[in-house]
Amino acid sequence: MADETDLHVGKRLRRRRRLLGMTQQDLAGQVGVRFQQIQKYECGANRITSSRLYELSRALNVSVQYFFDGIPAADAPDAANDAEHMEGDILSQKETLELVRAYYRLGERPRRRLLELAKALEGDQSSHGAA
């Protein structure tokens, strides 16, 4: 049976790979393993060594910490940004992935403007809800 941490890391690996539009074969080629190994990592069947995790983080352009984000530390206070925590499955929805891919295809200035617009719309929603 897979360990909870291995399952979490595997889900984060799959989410990031899909977000980048990579196949398991693509990722496997970048880190020097067979695609079946990536499958096993993603389902938590095989534990990822620290050196392999580092290679995967480089191939996926994230920090190693990315794979552990969202795992609550035992007996530790909640992180300051927990209020912004979103349900894990919203990040794996097709619509969310399409939105993030489209966002990163934009140039820096349009991305900033889109983010500002989204924040402004969020503010409009909360002010209307309070009335």
N, C-alpha and C. Protein backbone atom coordinates (compact mmCIF):
# COMPACT_ATOMS: atom_id res chain seq x y z
N MET A 1 0.85 -1.19 0.00
CA MET A 1 0.00 0.00 0.00
C MET A 1 0.89 1.25 0.00
N ALA A 2 0.50 2.23 -0.77
CA ALA A 2 1.30 3.45 -0.93
C ALA A 2 1.17 4.34 0.31
N ASP A 3 2.25 4.98 0.65
CA ASP A 3 2.32 5.93 1.76
C ASP A 3 1.58 7.21 1.35
N GLU A 4 0.97 7.89 2.33
CA GLU A 4 0.22 9.13 2.05
C GLU A 4 1.10 10.19 1.38
N THR A 5 2.32 10.32 1.85
CA THR A 5 3.23 11.31 1.27
C THR A 5 3.57 10.96 -0.17
N ASP A 6 3.83 9.66 -0.43
CA ASP A 6 4.13 9.23 -1.79
C ASP A 6 2.95 9.51 -2.73
N LEU A 7 1.75 9.29 -2.23
CA LEU A 7 0.55 9.58 -3.03
C LEU A 7 0.44 11.07 -3.33
N HIS A 8 0.68 11.89 -2.32
CA HIS A 8 0.59 13.34 -2.51
C HIS A 8 1.63 13.82 -3.52
N VAL A 9 2.87 13.38 -3.35
CA VAL A 9 3.95 13.78 -4.26
C VAL A 9 3.62 13.32 -5.68
N GLY A 10 3.10 12.11 -5.82
CA GLY A 10 2.72 11.59 -7.14
C GLY A 10 1.63 12.41 -7.80
N LYS A 11 0.64 12.83 -7.01
CA LYS A 11 -0.44 13.66 -7.55
C LYS A 11 0.09 15.02 -8.01
N ARG A 12 1.00 15.59 -7.22
CA ARG A 12 1.58 16.88 -7.59
C ARG A 12 2.42 16.74 -8.86
N LEU A 13 3.13 15.62 -8.97
CA LEU A 13 3.92 15.34 -10.17
C LEU A 13 3.01 15.27 -11.39
N ARG A 14 1.93 14.50 -11.30
CA ARG A 14 0.99 14.36 -12.41
C ARG A 14 0.36 15.70 -12.77
N ARG A 15 -0.05 16.47 -11.77
CA ARG A 15 -0.70 17.75 -12.00
C ARG A 15 0.23 18.69 -12.77
N ARG A 16 1.48 18.79 -12.33
CA ARG A 16 2.42 19.70 -12.99
C ARG A 16 2.74 19.24 -14.40
N ARG A 17 2.94 17.93 -14.58
CA ARG A 17 3.24 17.39 -15.91
C ARG A 17 2.11 17.72 -16.87
N ARG A 18 0.88 17.49 -16.44
CA ARG A 18 -0.27 17.77 -17.29
C ARG A 18 -0.42 19.26 -17.56
N LEU A 19 -0.16 20.07 -16.54
CA LEU A 19 -0.25 21.51 -16.70
C LEU A 19 0.68 21.99 -17.80
N LEU A 20 1.85 21.38 -17.89
CA LEU A 20 2.82 21.75 -18.91
C LEU A 20 2.54 21.07 -20.26
N GLY A 21 1.53 20.21 -20.30
CA GLY A 21 1.18 19.52 -21.55
C GLY A 21 2.17 18.44 -21.92
N MET A 22 2.87 17.89 -20.93
CA MET A 22 3.86 16.85 -21.19
C MET A 22 3.23 15.47 -21.04
N THR A 23 3.72 14.53 -21.84
CA THR A 23 3.32 13.14 -21.67
C THR A 23 4.26 12.50 -20.66
N GLN A 24 3.88 11.33 -20.18
CA GLN A 24 4.77 10.59 -19.29
C GLN A 24 6.06 10.25 -20.02
N GLN A 25 5.96 9.96 -21.30
CA GLN A 25 7.13 9.64 -22.12
C GLN A 25 8.06 10.84 -22.21
N ASP A 26 7.50 12.03 -22.42
CA ASP A 26 8.31 13.26 -22.49
C ASP A 26 9.11 13.45 -21.20
N LEU A 27 8.41 13.35 -20.09
CA LEU A 27 9.06 13.56 -18.80
C LEU A 27 10.11 12.49 -18.53
N ALA A 28 9.76 11.25 -18.83
CA ALA A 28 10.69 10.15 -18.62
C ALA A 28 11.98 10.37 -19.40
N GLY A 29 11.86 10.81 -20.64
CA GLY A 29 13.04 11.08 -21.46
C GLY A 29 13.93 12.16 -20.88
N GLN A 30 13.32 13.16 -20.25
CA GLN A 30 14.10 14.25 -19.68
C GLN A 30 14.87 13.84 -18.43
N VAL A 31 14.36 12.87 -17.70
CA VAL A 31 15.03 12.48 -16.45
C VAL A 31 15.72 11.11 -16.55
N GLY A 32 15.66 10.49 -17.73
CA GLY A 32 16.40 9.25 -17.95
C GLY A 32 15.80 7.99 -17.37
N VAL A 33 14.47 7.91 -17.36
CA VAL A 33 13.79 6.69 -16.92
C VAL A 33 12.77 6.29 -17.98
N ARG A 34 12.16 5.14 -17.83
CA ARG A 34 11.09 4.73 -18.73
C ARG A 34 9.77 5.34 -18.27
N PHE A 35 8.83 5.47 -19.20
CA PHE A 35 7.56 6.10 -18.84
C PHE A 35 6.81 5.31 -17.78
N GLN A 36 7.04 3.98 -17.72
CA GLN A 36 6.39 3.16 -16.71
C GLN A 36 6.81 3.60 -15.30
N GLN A 37 8.06 4.07 -15.18
CA GLN A 37 8.54 4.55 -13.88
C GLN A 37 7.79 5.81 -13.48
N ILE A 38 7.55 6.69 -14.44
CA ILE A 38 6.77 7.91 -14.16
C ILE A 38 5.37 7.51 -13.72
N GLN A 39 4.76 6.52 -14.38
CA GLN A 39 3.44 6.03 -13.97
C GLN A 39 3.46 5.58 -12.52
N LYS A 40 4.47 4.83 -12.14
CA LYS A 40 4.57 4.32 -10.78
C LYS A 40 4.77 5.46 -9.78
N TYR A 41 5.56 6.47 -10.15
CA TYR A 41 5.72 7.63 -9.28
C TYR A 41 4.38 8.34 -9.09
N GLU A 42 3.66 8.53 -10.18
CA GLU A 42 2.42 9.30 -10.13
C GLU A 42 1.32 8.62 -9.31
N CYS A 43 1.31 7.31 -9.30
CA CYS A 43 0.28 6.62 -8.50
C CYS A 43 0.77 6.29 -7.10
N GLY A 44 2.01 6.65 -6.78
CA GLY A 44 2.54 6.43 -5.45
C GLY A 44 3.04 5.02 -5.21
N ALA A 45 3.10 4.21 -6.25
CA ALA A 45 3.55 2.83 -6.10
C ALA A 45 5.05 2.76 -5.83
N ASN A 46 5.81 3.69 -6.40
CA ASN A 46 7.25 3.76 -6.17
C ASN A 46 7.60 5.08 -5.51
N ARG A 47 8.43 5.02 -4.51
CA ARG A 47 8.90 6.22 -3.81
C ARG A 47 9.97 6.89 -4.67
N ILE A 48 9.97 8.21 -4.69
CA ILE A 48 10.92 8.97 -5.49
C ILE A 48 12.11 9.35 -4.61
N THR A 49 13.31 9.01 -5.06
CA THR A 49 14.51 9.38 -4.30
C THR A 49 14.72 10.89 -4.38
N SER A 50 15.52 11.40 -3.48
CA SER A 50 15.75 12.85 -3.46
C SER A 50 16.43 13.33 -4.73
N SER A 51 17.38 12.57 -5.26
CA SER A 51 18.06 13.00 -6.48
C SER A 51 17.10 12.98 -7.67
N ARG A 52 16.22 11.99 -7.73
CA ARG A 52 15.24 11.92 -8.82
C ARG A 52 14.22 13.05 -8.67
N LEU A 53 13.83 13.35 -7.44
CA LEU A 53 12.89 14.44 -7.21
C LEU A 53 13.49 15.76 -7.67
N TYR A 54 14.78 15.92 -7.44
CA TYR A 54 15.48 17.13 -7.90
C TYR A 54 15.45 17.19 -9.43
N GLU A 55 15.75 16.06 -10.10
CA GLU A 55 15.71 16.02 -11.57
C GLU A 55 14.31 16.33 -12.09
N LEU A 56 13.29 15.77 -11.45
CA LEU A 56 11.91 16.02 -11.86
C LEU A 56 11.55 17.50 -11.66
N SER A 57 12.02 18.09 -10.57
CA SER A 57 11.71 19.50 -10.33
C SER A 57 12.33 20.37 -11.41
N ARG A 58 13.53 20.04 -11.84
CA ARG A 58 14.18 20.81 -12.91
C ARG A 58 13.45 20.62 -14.24
N ALA A 59 13.06 19.38 -14.53
CA ALA A 59 12.36 19.11 -15.79
C ALA A 59 10.99 19.79 -15.83
N LEU A 60 10.36 19.94 -14.66
CA LEU A 60 9.03 20.53 -14.59
C LEU A 60 9.07 22.02 -14.20
N ASN A 61 10.29 22.55 -14.04
CA ASN A 61 10.48 23.96 -13.75
C ASN A 61 9.75 24.42 -12.48
N VAL A 62 9.93 23.64 -11.41
CA VAL A 62 9.39 23.98 -10.10
C VAL A 62 10.46 23.70 -9.05
N SER A 63 10.26 24.24 -7.86
CA SER A 63 11.17 23.91 -6.77
C SER A 63 10.81 22.52 -6.23
N VAL A 64 11.74 21.89 -5.55
CA VAL A 64 11.46 20.59 -4.95
C VAL A 64 10.31 20.72 -3.96
N GLN A 65 10.24 21.85 -3.26
CA GLN A 65 9.18 22.07 -2.28
C GLN A 65 7.79 21.97 -2.89
N TYR A 66 7.66 22.27 -4.18
CA TYR A 66 6.37 22.20 -4.87
C TYR A 66 5.68 20.85 -4.61
N PHE A 67 6.44 19.78 -4.64
CA PHE A 67 5.86 18.45 -4.49
C PHE A 67 5.27 18.21 -3.11
N PHE A 68 5.71 18.99 -2.13
CA PHE A 68 5.24 18.82 -0.76
C PHE A 68 4.23 19.86 -0.33
N ASP A 69 4.00 20.85 -1.17
CA ASP A 69 3.02 21.88 -0.84
C ASP A 69 1.67 21.23 -0.58
N GLY A 70 1.04 21.66 0.49
CA GLY A 70 -0.28 21.14 0.83
C GLY A 70 -0.27 20.00 1.82
N ILE A 71 0.90 19.50 2.17
CA ILE A 71 0.98 18.45 3.19
C ILE A 71 1.09 19.15 4.54
N PRO A 72 0.11 18.94 5.43
CA PRO A 72 0.20 19.60 6.73
C PRO A 72 1.31 18.97 7.58
N ALA A 73 2.10 19.81 8.20
CA ALA A 73 3.15 19.32 9.09
C ALA A 73 2.51 18.89 10.40
N ALA A 74 2.95 17.77 10.94
CA ALA A 74 2.41 17.25 12.19
C ALA A 74 2.71 18.22 13.33
N ASP A 75 1.69 18.56 14.10
CA ASP A 75 1.82 19.42 15.28
C ASP A 75 2.41 20.79 14.97
N ALA A 76 2.27 21.26 13.75
CA ALA A 76 2.77 22.58 13.39
C ALA A 76 1.59 23.52 13.20
N PRO A 77 1.78 24.80 13.50
CA PRO A 77 0.68 25.75 13.25
C PRO A 77 0.41 25.87 11.76
N ASP A 78 -0.80 26.27 11.43
CA ASP A 78 -1.16 26.44 10.02
C ASP A 78 -0.30 27.52 9.40
N ALA A 79 0.02 27.32 8.12
CA ALA A 79 0.80 28.32 7.39
C ALA A 79 -0.03 29.58 7.24
N ALA A 80 0.65 30.71 7.07
CA ALA A 80 -0.02 32.00 6.97
C ALA A 80 -0.93 32.09 5.76
N ASN A 81 -0.66 31.32 4.72
CA ASN A 81 -1.46 31.42 3.50
C ASN A 81 -2.53 30.35 3.39
N ASP A 82 -2.86 29.66 4.47
CA ASP A 82 -3.86 28.61 4.41
C ASP A 82 -5.24 29.13 4.03
N ALA A 83 -5.52 30.40 4.27
CA ALA A 83 -6.82 30.96 3.89
C ALA A 83 -7.01 30.92 2.39
N GLU A 84 -5.89 30.91 1.65
CA GLU A 84 -5.97 30.89 0.19
C GLU A 84 -5.97 29.47 -0.36
N HIS A 85 -5.94 28.46 0.53
CA HIS A 85 -5.88 27.06 0.09
C HIS A 85 -7.13 26.71 -0.71
N MET A 86 -6.91 26.08 -1.86
CA MET A 86 -8.02 25.67 -2.72
C MET A 86 -8.11 24.16 -2.68
N GLU A 87 -9.27 23.64 -2.93
CA GLU A 87 -9.45 22.20 -3.01
C GLU A 87 -8.53 21.63 -4.07
N GLY A 88 -7.87 20.51 -3.78
CA GLY A 88 -6.91 19.91 -4.69
C GLY A 88 -7.50 19.55 -6.03
N ASP A 89 -8.76 19.07 -6.04
CA ASP A 89 -9.31 18.63 -7.31
C ASP A 89 -9.65 19.78 -8.25
N ILE A 90 -9.79 21.00 -7.75
CA ILE A 90 -10.05 22.13 -8.65
C ILE A 90 -8.83 22.38 -9.54
N LEU A 91 -7.64 22.07 -9.02
CA LEU A 91 -6.42 22.29 -9.78
C LEU A 91 -6.21 21.23 -10.86
N SER A 92 -6.91 20.12 -10.76
CA SER A 92 -6.75 19.08 -11.77
C SER A 92 -7.89 19.10 -12.79
N GLN A 93 -8.83 20.03 -12.65
CA GLN A 93 -9.93 20.11 -13.62
C GLN A 93 -9.41 20.63 -14.95
N LYS A 94 -9.98 20.13 -16.03
CA LYS A 94 -9.55 20.49 -17.37
C LYS A 94 -9.64 22.00 -17.61
N GLU A 95 -10.70 22.62 -17.15
CA GLU A 95 -10.90 24.06 -17.35
C GLU A 95 -9.79 24.86 -16.66
N THR A 96 -9.41 24.45 -15.46
CA THR A 96 -8.35 25.14 -14.73
C THR A 96 -7.04 25.02 -15.48
N LEU A 97 -6.73 23.83 -15.97
CA LEU A 97 -5.49 23.62 -16.71
C LEU A 97 -5.46 24.46 -17.98
N GLU A 98 -6.59 24.51 -18.69
CA GLU A 98 -6.66 25.31 -19.92
C GLU A 98 -6.45 26.79 -19.61
N LEU A 99 -7.05 27.25 -18.52
CA LEU A 99 -6.92 28.66 -18.13
C LEU A 99 -5.46 28.99 -17.79
N VAL A 100 -4.81 28.13 -17.04
CA VAL A 100 -3.42 28.39 -16.65
C VAL A 100 -2.50 28.34 -17.87
N ARG A 101 -2.73 27.39 -18.76
CA ARG A 101 -1.90 27.31 -19.98
C ARG A 101 -2.07 28.58 -20.82
N ALA A 102 -3.32 29.03 -20.99
CA ALA A 102 -3.57 30.24 -21.77
C ALA A 102 -2.93 31.45 -21.10
N TYR A 103 -2.99 31.51 -19.79
CA TYR A 103 -2.39 32.62 -19.03
C TYR A 103 -0.89 32.69 -19.29
N TYR A 104 -0.21 31.56 -19.24
CA TYR A 104 1.24 31.57 -19.42
C TYR A 104 1.67 31.72 -20.87
N ARG A 105 0.75 31.61 -21.82
CA ARG A 105 1.08 31.90 -23.21
C ARG A 105 1.07 33.41 -23.48
N LEU A 106 0.46 34.17 -22.57
CA LEU A 106 0.43 35.63 -22.70
C LEU A 106 1.78 36.22 -22.35
N GLY A 107 2.02 37.41 -22.83
CA GLY A 107 3.23 38.13 -22.43
C GLY A 107 3.10 38.61 -20.99
N GLU A 108 4.19 39.14 -20.46
CA GLU A 108 4.20 39.55 -19.05
C GLU A 108 3.18 40.65 -18.75
N ARG A 109 3.12 41.66 -19.60
CA ARG A 109 2.19 42.78 -19.35
C ARG A 109 0.73 42.34 -19.40
N PRO A 110 0.31 41.59 -20.44
CA PRO A 110 -1.09 41.13 -20.44
C PRO A 110 -1.41 40.22 -19.24
N ARG A 111 -0.43 39.41 -18.82
CA ARG A 111 -0.66 38.55 -17.64
C ARG A 111 -0.92 39.39 -16.40
N ARG A 112 -0.10 40.43 -16.21
CA ARG A 112 -0.29 41.32 -15.06
C ARG A 112 -1.66 41.99 -15.10
N ARG A 113 -2.06 42.43 -16.29
CA ARG A 113 -3.36 43.10 -16.43
C ARG A 113 -4.51 42.14 -16.17
N LEU A 114 -4.36 40.90 -16.64
CA LEU A 114 -5.40 39.90 -16.40
C LEU A 114 -5.50 39.58 -14.91
N LEU A 115 -4.38 39.47 -14.25
CA LEU A 115 -4.39 39.21 -12.81
C LEU A 115 -5.05 40.37 -12.06
N GLU A 116 -4.73 41.59 -12.44
CA GLU A 116 -5.36 42.76 -11.81
C GLU A 116 -6.87 42.74 -12.04
N LEU A 117 -7.28 42.38 -13.24
CA LEU A 117 -8.71 42.29 -13.54
C LEU A 117 -9.38 41.24 -12.67
N ALA A 118 -8.77 40.08 -12.55
CA ALA A 118 -9.35 39.01 -11.73
C ALA A 118 -9.49 39.45 -10.28
N LYS A 119 -8.47 40.13 -9.76
CA LYS A 119 -8.53 40.61 -8.38
C LYS A 119 -9.62 41.65 -8.21
N ALA A 120 -9.76 42.53 -9.21
CA ALA A 120 -10.80 43.55 -9.15
C ALA A 120 -12.19 42.91 -9.19
N LEU A 121 -12.36 41.90 -10.02
CA LEU A 121 -13.65 41.21 -10.09
C LEU A 121 -13.94 40.48 -8.79
N GLU A 122 -12.91 39.92 -8.17
CA GLU A 122 -13.09 39.24 -6.88
C GLU A 122 -13.56 40.25 -5.84
N GLY A 123 -12.98 41.45 -5.86
CA GLY A 123 -13.39 42.51 -4.94
C GLY A 123 -14.83 42.92 -5.16
N ASP A 124 -15.25 42.99 -6.43
CA ASP A 124 -16.63 43.33 -6.75
C ASP A 124 -17.59 42.29 -6.18
N GLN A 125 -17.23 41.02 -6.30
CA GLN A 125 -18.07 39.94 -5.79
C GLN A 125 -18.25 40.03 -4.28
N SER A 126 -17.16 40.28 -3.55
CA SER A 126 -17.25 40.32 -2.10
C SER A 126 -18.03 41.55 -1.62
N SER A 127 -17.91 42.68 -2.32
CA SER A 127 -18.64 43.88 -1.90
C SER A 127 -20.14 43.73 -2.18
N HIS A 128 -20.50 43.03 -3.28
CA HIS A 128 -21.92 42.80 -3.57
C HIS A 128 -22.51 41.80 -2.61
N GLY A 129 -21.71 40.83 -2.19
CA GLY A 129 -22.21 39.82 -1.25
C GLY A 129 -22.46 40.41 0.12
N ALA A 130 -21.77 41.48 0.47
CA ALA A 130 -21.91 42.08 1.79
C ALA A 130 -23.13 43.00 1.87
N ALA A 131 -23.65 43.44 0.73
CA ALA A 131 -24.77 44.39 0.72
C ALA A 131 -26.07 43.76 1.06
